[in-house]
Full PDB file with SEQRES, HELIX, SHEET, SSBOND, CRYST1, ORIGX, SCALE, CONECT and MASTER records, all heavy atoms in Angstrom:
SEQRES   1 A   30  GLY GLY GLY LEU VAL ASN VAL LEU ALA TYR LYS ALA ASP          
SEQRES   2 A   30  TYR THR ALA ALA SER GLU GLU LEU GLN LEU LEU GLU ALA          
SEQRES   3 A   30  ALA ALA ARG ALA                                              
HELIX    1 AA1 GLY A    2  VAL A    5  1                                   4    
HELIX    2 AA2 ASN A    6  TYR A   10  3                                   5    
HELIX    3 AA3 LYS A   11  ARG A   29  1                                  19    
CRYST1    1.000    1.000    1.000  90.00  90.00  90.00 P 1           1          
ORIGX1      1.000000  0.000000  0.000000        0.00000                         
ORIGX2      0.000000  1.000000  0.000000        0.00000                         
ORIGX3      0.000000  0.000000  1.000000        0.00000                         
SCALE1      1.000000  0.000000  0.000000        0.00000                         
SCALE2      0.000000  1.000000  0.000000        0.00000                         
SCALE3      0.000000  0.000000  1.000000        0.00000                         
ATOM      1  N   GLY A   1     154.229 156.071  20.368  1.00  0.00           N  
ATOM      2  CA  GLY A   1     154.633 154.836  21.036  1.00  0.00           C  
ATOM      3  C   GLY A   1     153.494 153.857  21.204  1.00  0.00           C  
ATOM      4  O   GLY A   1     153.633 152.834  21.881  1.00  0.00           O  
ATOM      5  N   GLY A   2     152.372 154.131  20.586  1.00  0.00           N  
ATOM      6  CA  GLY A   2     151.210 153.269  20.736  1.00  0.00           C  
ATOM      7  C   GLY A   2     151.410 151.879  20.178  1.00  0.00           C  
ATOM      8  O   GLY A   2     150.879 150.907  20.691  1.00  0.00           O  
ATOM      9  N   GLY A   3     152.197 151.772  19.111  1.00  0.00           N  
ATOM     10  CA  GLY A   3     152.487 150.463  18.529  1.00  0.00           C  
ATOM     11  C   GLY A   3     153.224 149.576  19.522  1.00  0.00           C  
ATOM     12  O   GLY A   3     152.940 148.384  19.635  1.00  0.00           O  
ATOM     13  N   LEU A   4     154.142 150.156  20.248  1.00  0.00           N  
ATOM     14  CA  LEU A   4     154.877 149.411  21.266  1.00  0.00           C  
ATOM     15  C   LEU A   4     153.949 148.983  22.401  1.00  0.00           C  
ATOM     16  O   LEU A   4     154.010 147.850  22.873  1.00  0.00           O  
ATOM     17  CB  LEU A   4     156.030 150.257  21.812  1.00  0.00           C  
ATOM     18  CG  LEU A   4     156.875 149.624  22.904  1.00  0.00           C  
ATOM     19  CD1 LEU A   4     157.556 148.369  22.381  1.00  0.00           C  
ATOM     20  CD2 LEU A   4     157.900 150.623  23.413  1.00  0.00           C  
ATOM     21  N   VAL A   5     153.071 149.879  22.808  1.00  0.00           N  
ATOM     22  CA  VAL A   5     152.098 149.551  23.857  1.00  0.00           C  
ATOM     23  C   VAL A   5     151.216 148.390  23.402  1.00  0.00           C  
ATOM     24  O   VAL A   5     150.945 147.464  24.164  1.00  0.00           O  
ATOM     25  CB  VAL A   5     151.235 150.782  24.217  1.00  0.00           C  
ATOM     26  CG1 VAL A   5     150.081 150.401  25.133  1.00  0.00           C  
ATOM     27  CG2 VAL A   5     152.100 151.857  24.855  1.00  0.00           C  
ATOM     28  N   ASN A   6     150.788 148.445  22.149  1.00  0.00           N  
ATOM     29  CA  ASN A   6     149.942 147.372  21.619  1.00  0.00           C  
ATOM     30  C   ASN A   6     150.640 146.026  21.692  1.00  0.00           C  
ATOM     31  O   ASN A   6     150.051 145.033  22.118  1.00  0.00           O  
ATOM     32  CB  ASN A   6     149.530 147.659  20.182  1.00  0.00           C  
ATOM     33  CG  ASN A   6     148.395 148.638  20.098  1.00  0.00           C  
ATOM     34  OD1 ASN A   6     147.688 148.873  21.067  1.00  0.00           O  
ATOM     35  ND2 ASN A   6     148.219 149.234  18.939  1.00  0.00           N  
ATOM     36  N   VAL A   7     151.901 145.985  21.261  1.00  0.00           N  
ATOM     37  CA  VAL A   7     152.634 144.722  21.253  1.00  0.00           C  
ATOM     38  C   VAL A   7     152.847 144.222  22.675  1.00  0.00           C  
ATOM     39  O   VAL A   7     152.638 143.042  22.967  1.00  0.00           O  
ATOM     40  CB  VAL A   7     153.987 144.871  20.522  1.00  0.00           C  
ATOM     41  CG1 VAL A   7     154.867 143.654  20.733  1.00  0.00           C  
ATOM     42  CG2 VAL A   7     153.756 145.093  19.037  1.00  0.00           C  
ATOM     43  N   LEU A   8     153.238 145.111  23.575  1.00  0.00           N  
ATOM     44  CA  LEU A   8     153.561 144.696  24.940  1.00  0.00           C  
ATOM     45  C   LEU A   8     152.331 144.402  25.791  1.00  0.00           C  
ATOM     46  O   LEU A   8     152.346 143.486  26.610  1.00  0.00           O  
ATOM     47  CB  LEU A   8     154.408 145.772  25.630  1.00  0.00           C  
ATOM     48  CG  LEU A   8     155.788 146.009  25.031  1.00  0.00           C  
ATOM     49  CD1 LEU A   8     156.477 147.162  25.749  1.00  0.00           C  
ATOM     50  CD2 LEU A   8     156.623 144.749  25.097  1.00  0.00           C  
ATOM     51  N   ALA A   9     151.272 145.169  25.605  1.00  0.00           N  
ATOM     52  CA  ALA A   9     150.140 145.050  26.526  1.00  0.00           C  
ATOM     53  C   ALA A   9     148.929 144.316  25.960  1.00  0.00           C  
ATOM     54  O   ALA A   9     148.243 143.613  26.702  1.00  0.00           O  
ATOM     55  CB  ALA A   9     149.709 146.448  26.977  1.00  0.00           C  
ATOM     56  N   TYR A  10     148.643 144.484  24.680  1.00  0.00           N  
ATOM     57  CA  TYR A  10     147.348 144.031  24.180  1.00  0.00           C  
ATOM     58  C   TYR A  10     147.381 142.924  23.127  1.00  0.00           C  
ATOM     59  O   TYR A  10     146.440 142.149  23.022  1.00  0.00           O  
ATOM     60  CB  TYR A  10     146.575 145.214  23.578  1.00  0.00           C  
ATOM     61  CG  TYR A  10     146.374 146.369  24.521  1.00  0.00           C  
ATOM     62  CD1 TYR A  10     146.791 147.646  24.186  1.00  0.00           C  
ATOM     63  CD2 TYR A  10     145.766 146.184  25.757  1.00  0.00           C  
ATOM     64  CE1 TYR A  10     146.607 148.711  25.051  1.00  0.00           C  
ATOM     65  CE2 TYR A  10     145.584 147.238  26.628  1.00  0.00           C  
ATOM     66  CZ  TYR A  10     146.001 148.506  26.273  1.00  0.00           C  
ATOM     67  OH  TYR A  10     145.823 149.547  27.124  1.00  0.00           O  
ATOM     68  N   LYS A  11     148.411 142.863  22.307  1.00  0.00           N  
ATOM     69  CA  LYS A  11     148.382 141.995  21.129  1.00  0.00           C  
ATOM     70  C   LYS A  11     148.218 140.519  21.470  1.00  0.00           C  
ATOM     71  O   LYS A  11     147.438 139.815  20.830  1.00  0.00           O  
ATOM     72  CB  LYS A  11     149.649 142.206  20.289  1.00  0.00           C  
ATOM     73  CG  LYS A  11     149.562 141.575  18.932  1.00  0.00           C  
ATOM     74  CD  LYS A  11     148.419 142.184  18.156  1.00  0.00           C  
ATOM     75  CE  LYS A  11     148.278 141.553  16.804  1.00  0.00           C  
ATOM     76  NZ  LYS A  11     147.108 142.038  16.108  1.00  0.00           N  
ATOM     77  N   ALA A  12     148.936 140.040  22.480  1.00  0.00           N  
ATOM     78  CA  ALA A  12     148.820 138.624  22.842  1.00  0.00           C  
ATOM     79  C   ALA A  12     147.409 138.297  23.328  1.00  0.00           C  
ATOM     80  O   ALA A  12     146.839 137.266  22.947  1.00  0.00           O  
ATOM     81  CB  ALA A  12     149.850 138.264  23.902  1.00  0.00           C  
ATOM     82  N   ASP A  13     146.835 139.174  24.143  1.00  0.00           N  
ATOM     83  CA  ASP A  13     145.469 138.946  24.638  1.00  0.00           C  
ATOM     84  C   ASP A  13     144.457 139.004  23.497  1.00  0.00           C  
ATOM     85  O   ASP A  13     143.505 138.220  23.463  1.00  0.00           O  
ATOM     86  CB  ASP A  13     145.097 139.971  25.703  1.00  0.00           C  
ATOM     87  CG  ASP A  13     145.827 139.753  27.011  1.00  0.00           C  
ATOM     88  OD1 ASP A  13     146.310 138.622  27.248  1.00  0.00           O  
ATOM     89  OD2 ASP A  13     145.915 140.707  27.800  1.00  0.00           O  
ATOM     90  N   TYR A  14     144.660 139.937  22.572  1.00  0.00           N  
ATOM     91  CA  TYR A  14     143.751 140.054  21.434  1.00  0.00           C  
ATOM     92  C   TYR A  14     143.823 138.804  20.557  1.00  0.00           C  
ATOM     93  O   TYR A  14     142.796 138.271  20.132  1.00  0.00           O  
ATOM     94  CB  TYR A  14     144.089 141.306  20.619  1.00  0.00           C  
ATOM     95  CG  TYR A  14     143.176 141.504  19.439  1.00  0.00           C  
ATOM     96  CD1 TYR A  14     141.899 142.031  19.618  1.00  0.00           C  
ATOM     97  CD2 TYR A  14     143.574 141.158  18.161  1.00  0.00           C  
ATOM     98  CE1 TYR A  14     141.041 142.204  18.537  1.00  0.00           C  
ATOM     99  CE2 TYR A  14     142.730 141.330  17.076  1.00  0.00           C  
ATOM    100  CZ  TYR A  14     141.463 141.858  17.274  1.00  0.00           C  
ATOM    101  OH  TYR A  14     140.627 142.016  16.199  1.00  0.00           O  
ATOM    102  N   THR A  15     145.034 138.326  20.319  1.00  0.00           N  
ATOM    103  CA  THR A  15     145.207 137.107  19.523  1.00  0.00           C  
ATOM    104  C   THR A  15     144.570 135.918  20.231  1.00  0.00           C  
ATOM    105  O   THR A  15     143.905 135.093  19.595  1.00  0.00           O  
ATOM    106  CB  THR A  15     146.700 136.845  19.257  1.00  0.00           C  
ATOM    107  OG1 THR A  15     147.239 137.970  18.560  1.00  0.00           O  
ATOM    108  CG2 THR A  15     146.907 135.596  18.420  1.00  0.00           C  
ATOM    109  N   ALA A  16     144.744 135.820  21.542  1.00  0.00           N  
ATOM    110  CA  ALA A  16     144.143 134.726  22.308  1.00  0.00           C  
ATOM    111  C   ALA A  16     142.615 134.776  22.210  1.00  0.00           C  
ATOM    112  O   ALA A  16     141.962 133.741  22.027  1.00  0.00           O  
ATOM    113  CB  ALA A  16     144.590 134.783  23.765  1.00  0.00           C  
ATOM    114  N   ALA A  17     142.041 135.964  22.329  1.00  0.00           N  
ATOM    115  CA  ALA A  17     140.582 136.098  22.223  1.00  0.00           C  
ATOM    116  C   ALA A  17     140.095 135.702  20.831  1.00  0.00           C  
ATOM    117  O   ALA A  17     139.083 135.006  20.690  1.00  0.00           O  
ATOM    118  CB  ALA A  17     140.159 137.532  22.553  1.00  0.00           C  
ATOM    119  N   SER A  18     140.821 136.119  19.804  1.00  0.00           N  
ATOM    120  CA  SER A  18     140.450 135.755  18.432  1.00  0.00           C  
ATOM    121  C   SER A  18     140.522 134.245  18.226  1.00  0.00           C  
ATOM    122  O   SER A  18     139.647 133.649  17.582  1.00  0.00           O  
ATOM    123  CB  SER A  18     141.362 136.453  17.432  1.00  0.00           C  
ATOM    124  OG  SER A  18     141.199 137.842  17.504  1.00  0.00           O  
ATOM    125  N   GLU A  19     141.544 133.624  18.787  1.00  0.00           N  
ATOM    126  CA  GLU A  19     141.685 132.173  18.663  1.00  0.00           C  
ATOM    127  C   GLU A  19     140.572 131.448  19.407  1.00  0.00           C  
ATOM    128  O   GLU A  19     140.042 130.446  18.915  1.00  0.00           O  
ATOM    129  CB  GLU A  19     143.048 131.726  19.189  1.00  0.00           C  
ATOM    130  CG  GLU A  19     144.184 132.122  18.288  1.00  0.00           C  
ATOM    131  CD  GLU A  19     145.542 131.723  18.830  1.00  0.00           C  
ATOM    132  OE1 GLU A  19     145.616 131.164  19.945  1.00  0.00           O  
ATOM    133  OE2 GLU A  19     146.535 131.953  18.129  1.00  0.00           O  
ATOM    134  N   GLU A  20     140.210 131.935  20.576  1.00  0.00           N  
ATOM    135  CA  GLU A  20     139.102 131.325  21.317  1.00  0.00           C  
ATOM    136  C   GLU A  20     137.824 131.384  20.495  1.00  0.00           C  
ATOM    137  O   GLU A  20     137.058 130.414  20.437  1.00  0.00           O  
ATOM    138  CB  GLU A  20     138.896 132.013  22.669  1.00  0.00           C  
ATOM    139  CG  GLU A  20     139.977 131.760  23.676  1.00  0.00           C  
ATOM    140  CD  GLU A  20     140.009 130.342  24.230  1.00  0.00           C  
ATOM    141  OE1 GLU A  20     138.999 129.612  24.139  1.00  0.00           O  
ATOM    142  OE2 GLU A  20     141.063 129.969  24.753  1.00  0.00           O  
ATOM    143  N   LEU A  21     137.574 132.520  19.849  1.00  0.00           N  
ATOM    144  CA  LEU A  21     136.378 132.644  19.018  1.00  0.00           C  
ATOM    145  C   LEU A  21     136.418 131.690  17.838  1.00  0.00           C  
ATOM    146  O   LEU A  21     135.394 131.093  17.476  1.00  0.00           O  
ATOM    147  CB  LEU A  21     136.217 134.093  18.537  1.00  0.00           C  
ATOM    148  CG  LEU A  21     135.747 135.073  19.610  1.00  0.00           C  
ATOM    149  CD1 LEU A  21     135.867 136.507  19.114  1.00  0.00           C  
ATOM    150  CD2 LEU A  21     134.326 134.767  20.034  1.00  0.00           C  
ATOM    151  N   GLN A  22     137.572 131.517  17.230  1.00  0.00           N  
ATOM    152  CA  GLN A  22     137.705 130.559  16.130  1.00  0.00           C  
ATOM    153  C   GLN A  22     137.393 129.146  16.610  1.00  0.00           C  
ATOM    154  O   GLN A  22     136.692 128.388  15.928  1.00  0.00           O  
ATOM    155  CB  GLN A  22     139.110 130.595  15.548  1.00  0.00           C  
ATOM    156  CG  GLN A  22     139.433 131.835  14.769  1.00  0.00           C  
ATOM    157  CD  GLN A  22     140.889 131.855  14.317  1.00  0.00           C  
ATOM    158  OE1 GLN A  22     141.665 130.959  14.614  1.00  0.00           O  
ATOM    159  NE2 GLN A  22     141.260 132.895  13.600  1.00  0.00           N  
ATOM    160  N   LEU A  23     137.918 128.790  17.783  1.00  0.00           N  
ATOM    161  CA  LEU A  23     137.669 127.456  18.325  1.00  0.00           C  
ATOM    162  C   LEU A  23     136.206 127.254  18.678  1.00  0.00           C  
ATOM    163  O   LEU A  23     135.646 126.179  18.447  1.00  0.00           O  
ATOM    164  CB  LEU A  23     138.535 127.217  19.564  1.00  0.00           C  
ATOM    165  CG  LEU A  23     140.035 127.104  19.311  1.00  0.00           C  
ATOM    166  CD1 LEU A  23     140.778 126.993  20.632  1.00  0.00           C  
ATOM    167  CD2 LEU A  23     140.341 125.920  18.421  1.00  0.00           C  
ATOM    168  N   LEU A  24     135.591 128.281  19.237  1.00  0.00           N  
ATOM    169  CA  LEU A  24     134.169 128.193  19.571  1.00  0.00           C  
ATOM    170  C   LEU A  24     133.325 127.999  18.315  1.00  0.00           C  
ATOM    171  O   LEU A  24     132.400 127.183  18.302  1.00  0.00           O  
ATOM    172  CB  LEU A  24     133.729 129.449  20.319  1.00  0.00           C  
ATOM    173  CG  LEU A  24     134.165 129.528  21.771  1.00  0.00           C  
ATOM    174  CD1 LEU A  24     134.085 130.952  22.282  1.00  0.00           C  
ATOM    175  CD2 LEU A  24     133.325 128.587  22.620  1.00  0.00           C  
ATOM    176  N   GLU A  25     133.641 128.729  17.269  1.00  0.00           N  
ATOM    177  CA  GLU A  25     132.882 128.600  16.030  1.00  0.00           C  
ATOM    178  C   GLU A  25     133.086 127.223  15.403  1.00  0.00           C  
ATOM    179  O   GLU A  25     132.136 126.609  14.904  1.00  0.00           O  
ATOM    180  CB  GLU A  25     133.267 129.717  15.070  1.00  0.00           C  
ATOM    181  CG  GLU A  25     132.765 131.065  15.553  1.00  0.00           C  
ATOM    182  CD  GLU A  25     133.291 132.245  14.758  1.00  0.00           C  
ATOM    183  OE1 GLU A  25     133.934 132.028  13.709  1.00  0.00           O  
ATOM    184  OE2 GLU A  25     133.070 133.377  15.189  1.00  0.00           O  
ATOM    185  N   ALA A  26     134.326 126.720  15.445  1.00  0.00           N  
ATOM    186  CA  ALA A  26     134.594 125.386  14.905  1.00  0.00           C  
ATOM    187  C   ALA A  26     133.861 124.319  15.708  1.00  0.00           C  
ATOM    188  O   ALA A  26     133.293 123.378  15.139  1.00  0.00           O  
ATOM    189  CB  ALA A  26     136.101 125.114  14.901  1.00  0.00           C  
ATOM    190  N   ALA A  27     133.847 124.449  17.035  1.00  0.00           N  
ATOM    191  CA  ALA A  27     133.150 123.483  17.880  1.00  0.00           C  
ATOM    192  C   ALA A  27     131.647 123.532  17.627  1.00  0.00           C  
ATOM    193  O   ALA A  27     130.985 122.487  17.564  1.00  0.00           O  
ATOM    194  CB  ALA A  27     133.447 123.764  19.355  1.00  0.00           C  
ATOM    195  N   ALA A  28     131.100 124.728  17.464  1.00  0.00           N  
ATOM    196  CA  ALA A  28     129.664 124.860  17.196  1.00  0.00           C  
ATOM    197  C   ALA A  28     129.297 124.225  15.857  1.00  0.00           C  
ATOM    198  O   ALA A  28     128.272 123.552  15.747  1.00  0.00           O  
ATOM    199  CB  ALA A  28     129.262 126.330  17.224  1.00  0.00           C  
ATOM    200  N   ARG A  29     130.135 124.416  14.857  1.00  0.00           N  
ATOM    201  CA  ARG A  29     129.875 123.787  13.556  1.00  0.00           C  
ATOM    202  C   ARG A  29     129.966 122.268  13.670  1.00  0.00           C  
ATOM    203  O   ARG A  29     129.148 121.547  13.103  1.00  0.00           O  
ATOM    204  CB  ARG A  29     130.865 124.297  12.514  1.00  0.00           C  
ATOM    205  CG  ARG A  29     130.513 125.648  11.945  1.00  0.00           C  
ATOM    206  CD  ARG A  29     131.340 125.982  10.718  1.00  0.00           C  
ATOM    207  NE  ARG A  29     132.780 125.966  10.981  1.00  0.00           N  
ATOM    208  CZ  ARG A  29     133.485 126.991  11.442  1.00  0.00           C  
ATOM    209  NH1 ARG A  29     132.873 128.128  11.701  1.00  0.00           N  
ATOM    210  NH2 ARG A  29     134.785 126.891  11.638  1.00  0.00           N  
ATOM    211  N   ALA A  30     130.952 121.772  14.400  1.00  0.00           N  
ATOM    212  CA  ALA A  30     131.132 120.325  14.545  1.00  0.00           C  
ATOM    213  C   ALA A  30     129.954 119.693  15.275  1.00  0.00           C  
ATOM    214  O   ALA A  30     129.599 118.546  15.006  1.00  0.00           O  
ATOM    215  CB  ALA A  30     132.433 120.028  15.289  1.00  0.00           C  
TER     216      ALA A  30                                                      
MASTER        0    0    0    3    0    0    0    6  215    1    0    3          
END                                                                             
């Protein structure tokens, strides 16, 4: 059931963290 736990508990936060890092890198380059 770990896949379900990942989707419900962690995936959105992980995606948000990845997006923040992408934005930080883009801002630093700019």
